[in-house]
Amino acid sequence: MNRSLFSLLAGLALLFSLPARADLRVFACEPEWGALAQVLGGDAVQVFTATTALQDPHHIQARPSLIARMRRADLLVCTGAELEIGWLPLLLRKAHNGRIQPGRPGHFLAANQVRLRERPARLDRAEGDIHPEGNPHIQTDPRNISRVAEALAARMAEIDPADAAGFARRLKAFQTDWQAAIARWEKRARPLRGVAVVVHHRQWPYLLAWLGMRQVGELEPKPGLPPTAGHLAALKARLAVQPARLIIHAAYMDPQPARWLSRHAGIPEVTLPFTVGGTPAAKDLYGLFDDTIARLLGALK
């Protein structure tokens, strides 16, 4: 056997003897958690995100492609608090993946890591789409993102201990940059403190509490019910007495009710990204809050 052939065979033997890279496969229900998992996991994870910013996360079709992705996942990262109650349980049943079932390490719910707002005192479906555990839209406050990041990095290290040091290192770097960004956003957003707003849907209690803004009306007559002409007319009349400065709605929602009220009440309406990818500028978690604050401030002028 000549030397070059021997070297080639030895190299191939070494290659095939090395363990294959076992990336942590993450199934994220919403774009914000997919983006966070990618930041914390780096090249040690493969992230699939089930929804986009232009979809209503309450109502997603349990497609076969989602089932196939979930069947291969090592870690499920979703919001929880019944945000995905209409589709996630069905996917979990059909995927037959024991690693990510409730109660297993591979089942991670972001809402379990923070204190939820708007927990109802009583449950009555006549009051609309009420979440029994509290409002699930926690990602609109960057401080919640920080809390979820701590817990998610720990869970990743539990599932993939071989890369525990990497998860810890990336978490530390993220938290340093994120806290600096929060300070920058809060300073920039000071003119928003005390500003009264009308919302389309109850998606914004965390954002409004963080920025010190006030909600004075909703386009929906009840949570989850489409705006009606009668309700919008009544809201317009009420705003003449209790004015608002802005009307805000998520990028995936029908903008027509907000635009109608804007025209008839003389109040600017603004589309907010709500999650990563909701607007061209909201390309990542930092862009999500950069653009949210920029749009709010721009609409006040």
Protein backbone atom coordinates (compact mmCIF):
# COMPACT_ATOMS: atom_id res chain seq x y z
CA MET A 1 0.00 0.00 0.00
CA ASN A 2 1.52 3.34 -1.01
CA ARG A 3 1.88 6.15 1.49
CA SER A 4 -0.80 8.43 0.00
CA LEU A 5 -3.42 5.66 0.00
CA PHE A 6 -2.51 4.72 3.57
CA SER A 7 -2.88 8.37 4.66
CA LEU A 8 -6.26 8.60 2.97
CA LEU A 9 -7.56 5.43 4.64
CA ALA A 10 -6.23 6.53 8.02
CA GLY A 11 -7.93 9.88 7.64
CA LEU A 12 -11.23 8.27 6.74
CA ALA A 13 -10.97 5.91 9.71
CA LEU A 14 -10.38 8.86 12.02
CA LEU A 15 -13.28 10.78 10.52
CA PHE A 16 -15.75 7.95 10.98
CA SER A 17 -14.51 7.22 14.50
CA LEU A 18 -15.34 10.78 15.67
CA PRO A 19 -18.76 11.21 17.30
CA ALA A 20 -21.28 13.04 15.15
CA ARG A 21 -22.27 16.53 16.24
CA ALA A 22 -25.53 16.09 18.21
CA ASP A 23 -27.21 19.47 17.87
CA LEU A 24 -30.06 20.18 20.25
CA ARG A 25 -33.20 20.26 18.12
CA VAL A 26 -35.55 23.00 19.34
CA PHE A 27 -39.20 23.37 18.33
CA ALA A 28 -40.26 26.94 19.15
CA CYS A 29 -43.93 27.83 19.02
CA GLU A 30 -43.42 31.58 18.53
CA PRO A 31 -40.72 33.69 16.84
CA GLU A 32 -39.54 35.37 20.05
CA TRP A 33 -38.68 32.03 21.65
CA GLY A 34 -37.06 30.74 18.48
CA ALA A 35 -34.87 33.85 18.39
CA LEU A 36 -33.97 33.49 22.07
CA ALA A 37 -33.15 29.79 21.73
CA GLN A 38 -30.84 30.60 18.81
CA VAL A 39 -29.03 33.30 20.80
CA LEU A 40 -28.51 31.00 23.76
CA GLY A 41 -27.70 27.92 21.70
CA GLY A 42 -25.55 29.33 18.94
CA ASP A 43 -24.24 26.60 16.67
CA ALA A 44 -25.12 23.95 19.26
CA VAL A 45 -28.84 24.08 18.37
CA GLN A 46 -31.10 23.62 15.40
CA VAL A 47 -34.14 25.86 15.83
CA PHE A 48 -37.45 25.47 14.04
CA THR A 49 -40.16 28.08 14.62
CA ALA A 50 -43.73 26.94 14.08
CA THR A 51 -45.35 30.34 13.52
CA THR A 52 -44.52 33.71 12.02
CA ALA A 53 -45.13 37.23 13.27
CA LEU A 54 -47.92 37.61 10.74
CA GLN A 55 -49.94 34.73 12.21
CA ASP A 56 -52.26 34.80 15.20
CA PRO A 57 -50.57 32.46 17.71
CA HIS A 58 -53.95 31.60 19.21
CA HIS A 59 -55.12 29.96 16.00
CA ILE A 60 -52.66 27.75 14.11
CA GLN A 61 -53.46 24.71 11.97
CA ALA A 62 -51.82 21.51 13.23
CA ARG A 63 -50.26 20.69 9.86
CA PRO A 64 -48.44 17.38 9.15
CA SER A 65 -45.21 19.32 8.61
CA LEU A 66 -45.42 20.66 12.16
CA ILE A 67 -46.07 17.19 13.52
CA ALA A 68 -43.01 15.86 11.69
CA ARG A 69 -40.83 18.63 13.11
CA MET A 70 -42.14 18.07 16.62
CA ARG A 71 -41.53 14.33 16.37
CA ARG A 72 -37.78 15.00 16.00
CA ALA A 73 -37.47 17.73 18.63
CA ASP A 74 -35.41 17.44 21.81
CA LEU A 75 -36.81 20.63 23.34
CA LEU A 76 -40.18 22.34 22.97
CA VAL A 77 -40.20 26.07 23.78
CA CYS A 78 -43.63 27.69 23.84
CA THR A 79 -45.36 30.52 25.65
CA GLY A 80 -47.89 28.46 27.59
CA ALA A 81 -50.61 30.03 29.77
CA GLU A 82 -53.01 28.45 27.24
CA LEU A 83 -51.90 30.72 24.39
CA GLU A 84 -51.47 27.62 22.18
CA ILE A 85 -54.35 25.65 23.71
CA GLY A 86 -56.12 25.38 20.34
CA TRP A 87 -53.31 23.56 18.56
CA LEU A 88 -50.35 22.54 20.76
CA PRO A 89 -52.04 19.63 22.61
CA LEU A 90 -53.07 18.10 19.27
CA LEU A 91 -49.52 18.37 17.93
CA LEU A 92 -48.11 16.78 21.07
CA ARG A 93 -50.52 13.84 20.83
CA LYS A 94 -49.82 13.21 17.17
CA ALA A 95 -46.04 13.62 17.41
CA HIS A 96 -45.65 10.70 19.88
CA ASN A 97 -42.43 12.27 21.18
CA GLY A 98 -41.94 11.40 24.84
CA ARG A 99 -39.00 13.80 25.22
CA ILE A 100 -41.16 16.92 24.95
CA GLN A 101 -44.37 15.90 26.70
CA PRO A 102 -45.60 17.95 29.71
CA GLY A 103 -43.60 17.14 32.81
CA ARG A 104 -40.49 16.10 30.86
CA PRO A 105 -37.28 18.19 30.66
CA GLY A 106 -37.93 18.81 26.96
CA HIS A 107 -41.18 20.66 27.66
CA PHE A 108 -40.46 24.33 28.42
CA LEU A 109 -43.10 27.05 28.87
CA ALA A 110 -41.91 30.63 29.01
CA ALA A 111 -44.98 31.90 30.90
CA ASN A 112 -44.04 29.67 33.84
CA GLN A 113 -40.91 31.73 34.37
CA VAL A 114 -42.57 35.12 34.99
CA ARG A 115 -45.40 36.63 37.00
CA LEU A 116 -48.45 36.86 34.78
CA ARG A 117 -50.72 39.88 34.65
CA GLU A 118 -54.52 39.95 34.35
CA ARG A 119 -55.26 36.66 36.07
CA PRO A 120 -59.08 36.60 36.08
CA ALA A 121 -60.91 36.56 39.42
CA ARG A 122 -63.57 34.33 37.87
CA LEU A 123 -63.87 32.37 34.65
CA ASP A 124 -66.78 33.09 32.34
CA ARG A 125 -66.48 32.37 28.62
CA ALA A 126 -69.28 34.87 28.06
CA GLU A 127 -66.61 37.49 28.75
CA GLY A 128 -64.66 36.45 25.64
CA ASP A 129 -61.30 34.76 25.15
CA ILE A 130 -60.09 34.82 28.75
CA HIS A 131 -56.86 33.06 29.73
CA PRO A 132 -57.36 31.40 33.14
CA GLU A 133 -53.68 31.59 34.10
CA GLY A 134 -53.27 35.23 33.12
CA ASN A 135 -52.28 37.21 30.05
CA PRO A 136 -49.77 35.15 28.01
CA HIS A 137 -48.25 37.95 25.90
CA ILE A 138 -45.19 38.29 28.10
CA GLN A 139 -42.66 38.95 25.32
CA THR A 140 -43.61 42.63 24.99
CA ASP A 141 -41.61 43.44 28.16
CA PRO A 142 -37.87 42.87 27.66
CA ARG A 143 -37.42 42.21 31.37
CA ASN A 144 -39.50 39.06 30.88
CA ILE A 145 -37.21 38.02 28.03
CA SER A 146 -34.31 38.22 30.49
CA ARG A 147 -36.08 36.03 33.05
CA VAL A 148 -37.01 33.45 30.44
CA ALA A 149 -33.43 33.42 29.13
CA GLU A 150 -32.07 32.39 32.54
CA ALA A 151 -34.46 29.46 32.82
CA LEU A 152 -34.13 28.41 29.17
CA ALA A 153 -30.33 28.31 29.27
CA ALA A 154 -30.51 26.12 32.37
CA ARG A 155 -32.96 23.77 30.67
CA MET A 156 -30.77 23.54 27.58
CA ALA A 157 -27.81 22.61 29.78
CA GLU A 158 -29.91 19.95 31.52
CA ILE A 159 -30.85 18.33 28.22
CA ASP A 160 -27.42 18.75 26.61
CA PRO A 161 -24.87 18.75 29.48
CA ALA A 162 -21.99 18.36 27.06
CA ASP A 163 -22.48 21.98 26.01
CA ALA A 164 -23.47 23.35 29.43
CA ALA A 165 -20.47 25.67 29.50
CA GLY A 166 -21.40 27.04 26.11
CA PHE A 167 -24.97 27.77 27.15
CA ALA A 168 -23.73 29.52 30.29
CA ARG A 169 -21.23 31.58 28.32
CA ARG A 170 -23.78 32.68 25.73
CA LEU A 171 -26.33 33.49 28.45
CA LYS A 172 -23.85 35.71 30.28
CA ALA A 173 -22.99 37.59 27.08
CA PHE A 174 -26.66 37.99 26.20
CA GLN A 175 -27.64 39.26 29.65
CA THR A 176 -24.85 41.84 29.64
CA ASP A 177 -25.91 43.21 26.26
CA TRP A 178 -29.63 42.90 27.05
CA GLN A 179 -29.50 44.84 30.31
CA ALA A 180 -27.61 47.62 28.55
CA ALA A 181 -30.24 47.63 25.82
CA ILE A 182 -33.08 47.81 28.36
CA ALA A 183 -31.47 50.86 29.97
CA ARG A 184 -31.15 52.47 26.54
CA TRP A 185 -34.78 51.71 25.63
CA GLU A 186 -36.12 53.04 28.92
CA LYS A 187 -34.22 56.29 28.55
CA ARG A 188 -35.40 56.74 24.98
CA ALA A 189 -39.01 55.93 25.86
CA ARG A 190 -39.41 58.47 28.68
CA PRO A 191 -41.74 60.68 26.58
CA LEU A 192 -44.19 57.76 26.45
CA ARG A 193 -44.77 57.70 30.20
CA GLY A 194 -48.39 58.49 31.02
CA VAL A 195 -49.52 58.32 27.37
CA ALA A 196 -53.07 56.95 27.02
CA VAL A 197 -53.69 54.37 24.30
CA VAL A 198 -56.45 52.32 22.73
CA VAL A 199 -55.52 48.73 21.87
CA HIS A 200 -57.05 46.32 19.41
CA HIS A 201 -56.66 43.24 21.61
CA ARG A 202 -55.40 42.72 25.17
CA GLN A 203 -51.87 42.01 23.99
CA TRP A 204 -50.02 44.87 25.58
CA PRO A 205 -50.31 44.94 29.42
CA TYR A 206 -46.64 44.04 29.84
CA LEU A 207 -45.42 46.64 27.35
CA LEU A 208 -47.66 49.35 28.80
CA ALA A 209 -46.65 48.58 32.39
CA TRP A 210 -42.95 48.61 31.45
CA LEU A 211 -43.19 51.96 29.67
CA GLY A 212 -45.67 53.54 32.09
CA MET A 213 -48.40 53.96 29.46
CA ARG A 214 -52.17 53.69 30.09
CA GLN A 215 -54.84 51.68 28.29
CA VAL A 216 -58.17 53.51 28.04
CA GLY A 217 -60.03 51.43 25.47
CA GLU A 218 -60.14 48.32 23.28
CA LEU A 219 -61.30 47.91 19.70
CA GLU A 220 -62.67 44.46 20.53
CA PRO A 221 -65.98 44.51 22.44
CA LYS A 222 -64.70 41.45 24.34
CA PRO A 223 -61.31 39.70 24.09
CA GLY A 224 -61.12 37.67 20.90
CA LEU A 225 -64.35 39.05 19.39
CA PRO A 226 -64.01 41.13 16.20
CA PRO A 227 -64.71 44.86 16.50
CA THR A 228 -68.26 45.85 15.60
CA ALA A 229 -69.58 49.10 14.16
CA GLY A 230 -71.64 49.74 17.27
CA HIS A 231 -68.74 49.18 19.63
CA LEU A 232 -66.40 51.40 17.59
CA ALA A 233 -68.98 54.18 17.52
CA ALA A 234 -69.44 53.95 21.30
CA LEU A 235 -65.67 53.95 21.79
CA LYS A 236 -65.33 57.05 19.61
CA ALA A 237 -67.88 58.85 21.76
CA ARG A 238 -66.14 57.83 24.96
CA LEU A 239 -62.78 59.04 23.66
CA ALA A 240 -64.24 62.51 23.25
CA VAL A 241 -64.51 62.57 27.05
CA GLN A 242 -61.52 60.39 27.93
CA PRO A 243 -58.98 61.09 25.15
CA ALA A 244 -56.23 58.78 23.96
CA ARG A 245 -53.03 59.71 22.16
CA LEU A 246 -52.49 56.51 20.17
CA ILE A 247 -54.28 53.44 18.79
CA ILE A 248 -51.98 50.41 18.70
CA HIS A 249 -52.35 47.01 17.08
CA ALA A 250 -50.14 44.05 16.23
CA ALA A 251 -48.78 43.55 12.74
CA TYR A 252 -50.78 40.35 12.19
CA MET A 253 -54.14 41.93 13.02
CA ASP A 254 -56.64 43.50 10.63
CA PRO A 255 -55.70 47.21 10.55
CA GLN A 256 -59.09 48.45 9.32
CA PRO A 257 -60.80 48.95 12.73
CA ALA A 258 -57.82 50.96 14.00
CA ARG A 259 -57.75 53.03 10.83
CA TRP A 260 -61.50 53.73 11.06
CA LEU A 261 -61.19 54.97 14.63
CA SER A 262 -58.08 56.95 13.73
CA ARG A 263 -59.93 58.81 10.96
CA HIS A 264 -63.08 59.48 12.96
CA ALA A 265 -61.49 60.29 16.33
CA GLY A 266 -58.40 62.05 15.02
CA ILE A 267 -56.02 59.76 16.90
CA PRO A 268 -52.88 58.35 15.24
CA GLU A 269 -52.79 54.59 14.79
CA VAL A 270 -49.56 52.63 14.87
CA THR A 271 -48.71 49.08 13.90
CA LEU A 272 -46.30 47.40 16.32
CA PRO A 273 -44.28 44.29 15.44
CA PHE A 274 -45.43 42.37 18.56
CA THR A 275 -42.74 39.74 17.94
CA VAL A 276 -39.61 39.11 15.92
CA GLY A 277 -40.36 39.55 12.20
CA GLY A 278 -43.48 41.65 12.68
CA THR A 279 -41.93 44.56 10.80
CA PRO A 280 -38.90 44.79 8.50
CA ALA A 281 -36.83 46.41 11.27
CA ALA A 282 -37.77 43.81 13.92
CA LYS A 283 -35.33 41.23 12.57
CA ASP A 284 -34.20 39.99 15.99
CA LEU A 285 -34.99 40.54 19.68
CA TYR A 286 -33.09 43.83 19.77
CA GLY A 287 -34.80 45.07 16.63
CA LEU A 288 -38.18 44.13 18.12
CA PHE A 289 -37.84 46.71 20.90
CA ASP A 290 -35.86 49.25 18.88
CA ASP A 291 -38.66 49.38 16.34
CA THR A 292 -41.51 49.21 18.87
CA ILE A 293 -40.26 52.29 20.70
CA ALA A 294 -39.38 54.11 17.48
CA ARG A 295 -42.89 53.57 16.13
CA LEU A 296 -44.57 54.69 19.34
CA LEU A 297 -42.46 57.86 19.54
CA GLY A 298 -42.92 58.55 15.85
CA ALA A 299 -46.70 58.33 16.11
CA LEU A 300 -46.75 60.88 18.94
CA LYS A 301 -45.23 63.62 16.77
